[in-house]
């Protein structure tokens, strides 16, 4: 079960990449988007719709940062 809102997850992912020495916030955002896109690519939309929709919203929140 996911215990963070999509907005919290977006910030958490970006902050994880930002904390490992990336020079620019934009690079952290790009890395977080790559991760979420990979997750969306492997989740079976029909079987795990709720999870897929969650990560779709996380992606939207990352794009707002």
N, C-alpha and C. Protein backbone atom coordinates (compact mmCIF):
# COMPACT_ATOMS: atom_id res chain seq x y z
N UNK A 1 0.83 -1.18 0.00
CA UNK A 1 0.00 0.00 0.00
C UNK A 1 0.88 1.25 0.00
N UNK A 2 0.49 2.21 -0.76
CA UNK A 2 1.24 3.46 -0.88
C UNK A 2 0.75 4.41 0.21
N UNK A 3 1.69 4.90 1.01
CA UNK A 3 1.31 5.72 2.16
C UNK A 3 1.59 7.21 1.96
N UNK A 4 1.86 7.63 0.73
CA UNK A 4 2.08 9.04 0.43
C UNK A 4 1.11 9.49 -0.64
N UNK A 5 0.76 10.76 -0.60
CA UNK A 5 -0.03 11.32 -1.68
C UNK A 5 0.85 11.41 -2.92
N UNK A 6 0.27 11.52 -4.10
CA UNK A 6 1.09 11.68 -5.30
C UNK A 6 2.03 12.89 -5.20
N UNK A 7 1.56 13.97 -4.59
CA UNK A 7 2.39 15.17 -4.44
C UNK A 7 3.58 14.88 -3.52
N UNK A 8 3.34 14.19 -2.42
CA UNK A 8 4.42 13.83 -1.51
C UNK A 8 5.43 12.90 -2.18
N UNK A 9 4.92 11.93 -2.94
CA UNK A 9 5.81 11.00 -3.64
C UNK A 9 6.66 11.73 -4.67
N UNK A 10 6.06 12.67 -5.40
CA UNK A 10 6.79 13.44 -6.40
C UNK A 10 7.94 14.20 -5.74
N UNK A 11 7.65 14.89 -4.65
CA UNK A 11 8.69 15.65 -3.95
C UNK A 11 9.76 14.72 -3.40
N UNK A 12 9.35 13.58 -2.87
CA UNK A 12 10.29 12.63 -2.31
C UNK A 12 11.25 12.09 -3.37
N UNK A 13 10.72 11.73 -4.52
CA UNK A 13 11.57 11.21 -5.60
C UNK A 13 12.57 12.27 -6.07
N UNK A 14 12.09 13.47 -6.30
CA UNK A 14 12.98 14.54 -6.76
C UNK A 14 14.04 14.83 -5.70
N UNK A 15 13.64 14.87 -4.44
CA UNK A 15 14.59 15.14 -3.36
C UNK A 15 15.64 14.04 -3.23
N UNK A 16 15.26 12.80 -3.50
CA UNK A 16 16.24 11.71 -3.46
C UNK A 16 17.35 11.92 -4.48
N UNK A 17 16.99 12.31 -5.67
CA UNK A 17 18.00 12.55 -6.70
C UNK A 17 18.76 13.84 -6.43
N UNK A 18 18.10 14.82 -5.90
CA UNK A 18 18.74 16.08 -5.58
C UNK A 18 19.77 15.89 -4.47
N UNK A 19 19.51 14.95 -3.58
CA UNK A 19 20.39 14.72 -2.45
C UNK A 19 21.63 13.91 -2.75
N UNK A 20 21.73 13.34 -3.95
CA UNK A 20 22.90 12.52 -4.26
C UNK A 20 23.94 13.29 -5.06
N UNK A 21 23.89 14.59 -4.96
CA UNK A 21 24.92 15.41 -5.56
C UNK A 21 24.62 15.97 -6.93
N UNK A 22 23.41 15.84 -7.40
CA UNK A 22 23.09 16.44 -8.70
C UNK A 22 23.18 17.95 -8.57
N UNK A 23 23.73 18.57 -9.56
CA UNK A 23 24.00 20.00 -9.51
C UNK A 23 22.73 20.84 -9.67
N UNK A 24 21.83 20.39 -10.47
CA UNK A 24 20.66 21.23 -10.77
C UNK A 24 19.37 20.50 -10.45
N UNK A 25 18.43 21.24 -9.95
CA UNK A 25 17.12 20.68 -9.61
C UNK A 25 16.47 20.07 -10.85
N UNK A 26 16.68 20.69 -12.01
CA UNK A 26 16.08 20.17 -13.25
C UNK A 26 16.57 18.76 -13.56
N UNK A 27 17.82 18.48 -13.24
CA UNK A 27 18.35 17.13 -13.46
C UNK A 27 17.67 16.14 -12.52
N UNK A 28 17.42 16.55 -11.29
CA UNK A 28 16.72 15.69 -10.33
C UNK A 28 15.31 15.41 -10.81
N UNK A 29 14.65 16.42 -11.33
CA UNK A 29 13.29 16.25 -11.86
C UNK A 29 13.31 15.30 -13.05
N UNK A 30 14.28 15.46 -13.95
CA UNK A 30 14.38 14.58 -15.12
C UNK A 30 14.60 13.13 -14.69
N UNK A 31 15.44 12.92 -13.70
CA UNK A 31 15.70 11.55 -13.22
C UNK A 31 14.45 10.94 -12.59
N UNK A 32 13.73 11.73 -11.81
CA UNK A 32 12.50 11.24 -11.19
C UNK A 32 11.47 10.88 -12.26
N UNK A 33 11.39 11.69 -13.31
CA UNK A 33 10.46 11.39 -14.40
C UNK A 33 10.84 10.10 -15.13
N UNK A 34 12.12 9.87 -15.30
CA UNK A 34 12.56 8.62 -15.93
C UNK A 34 12.09 7.44 -15.10
N UNK A 35 12.26 7.52 -13.79
CA UNK A 35 11.83 6.42 -12.90
C UNK A 35 10.34 6.18 -13.00
N UNK A 36 9.56 7.25 -12.93
CA UNK A 36 8.10 7.10 -12.98
C UNK A 36 7.66 6.56 -14.33
N UNK A 37 8.29 7.02 -15.40
CA UNK A 37 7.96 6.50 -16.73
C UNK A 37 8.25 5.01 -16.83
N UNK A 38 9.34 4.58 -16.22
CA UNK A 38 9.66 3.14 -16.21
C UNK A 38 8.60 2.36 -15.43
N UNK A 39 8.21 2.90 -14.28
CA UNK A 39 7.17 2.24 -13.47
C UNK A 39 5.89 2.13 -14.28
N UNK A 40 5.49 3.22 -14.92
CA UNK A 40 4.26 3.21 -15.72
C UNK A 40 4.37 2.22 -16.88
N UNK A 41 5.57 2.03 -17.38
CA UNK A 41 5.78 1.12 -18.50
C UNK A 41 5.66 -0.36 -18.14
N UNK A 42 5.88 -0.69 -16.87
CA UNK A 42 5.83 -2.09 -16.48
C UNK A 42 4.56 -2.48 -15.72
N UNK A 43 3.80 -1.49 -15.29
CA UNK A 43 2.55 -1.80 -14.59
C UNK A 43 1.49 -2.16 -15.61
N UNK A 44 0.84 -3.28 -15.38
CA UNK A 44 -0.25 -3.69 -16.25
C UNK A 44 -1.46 -2.82 -15.93
N UNK A 45 -1.79 -1.96 -16.88
CA UNK A 45 -2.86 -0.98 -16.72
C UNK A 45 -4.18 -1.62 -16.30
N UNK A 46 -4.53 -2.71 -16.92
CA UNK A 46 -5.83 -3.34 -16.65
C UNK A 46 -5.86 -4.03 -15.30
N UNK A 47 -4.78 -4.66 -14.91
CA UNK A 47 -4.73 -5.41 -13.66
C UNK A 47 -4.51 -4.50 -12.45
N UNK A 48 -3.70 -3.48 -12.63
CA UNK A 48 -3.31 -2.61 -11.52
C UNK A 48 -3.66 -1.15 -11.81
N UNK A 49 -4.90 -0.92 -12.18
CA UNK A 49 -5.35 0.42 -12.58
C UNK A 49 -5.11 1.46 -11.49
N UNK A 50 -5.41 1.13 -10.25
CA UNK A 50 -5.25 2.10 -9.16
C UNK A 50 -3.79 2.53 -9.02
N UNK A 51 -2.88 1.59 -9.08
CA UNK A 51 -1.45 1.91 -8.97
C UNK A 51 -0.99 2.71 -10.19
N UNK A 52 -1.44 2.32 -11.37
CA UNK A 52 -1.07 3.03 -12.59
C UNK A 52 -1.54 4.48 -12.53
N UNK A 53 -2.78 4.68 -12.09
CA UNK A 53 -3.33 6.04 -11.98
C UNK A 53 -2.56 6.85 -10.94
N UNK A 54 -2.16 6.20 -9.85
CA UNK A 54 -1.37 6.87 -8.82
C UNK A 54 -0.06 7.40 -9.41
N UNK A 55 0.66 6.55 -10.12
CA UNK A 55 1.94 6.99 -10.68
C UNK A 55 1.77 7.97 -11.83
N UNK A 56 0.66 7.92 -12.51
CA UNK A 56 0.36 8.92 -13.54
C UNK A 56 0.21 10.29 -12.86
N UNK A 57 -0.44 10.31 -11.72
CA UNK A 57 -0.61 11.55 -10.97
C UNK A 57 0.73 12.01 -10.38
N UNK A 58 1.56 11.07 -9.93
CA UNK A 58 2.90 11.42 -9.44
C UNK A 58 3.67 12.13 -10.56
N UNK A 59 3.58 11.60 -11.77
CA UNK A 59 4.26 12.21 -12.92
C UNK A 59 3.76 13.64 -13.13
N UNK A 60 2.47 13.85 -13.04
CA UNK A 60 1.91 15.19 -13.21
C UNK A 60 2.44 16.13 -12.12
N UNK A 61 2.55 15.63 -10.90
CA UNK A 61 3.05 16.44 -9.79
C UNK A 61 4.54 16.77 -9.98
N UNK A 62 5.31 15.82 -10.48
CA UNK A 62 6.74 16.09 -10.74
C UNK A 62 6.85 17.21 -11.77
N UNK A 63 6.03 17.15 -12.79
CA UNK A 63 6.07 18.18 -13.84
C UNK A 63 5.71 19.56 -13.32
N UNK A 64 5.02 19.63 -12.19
CA UNK A 64 4.66 20.93 -11.60
C UNK A 64 5.80 21.52 -10.78
N UNK A 65 6.77 20.68 -10.40
CA UNK A 65 7.86 21.15 -9.54
C UNK A 65 8.84 22.05 -10.29
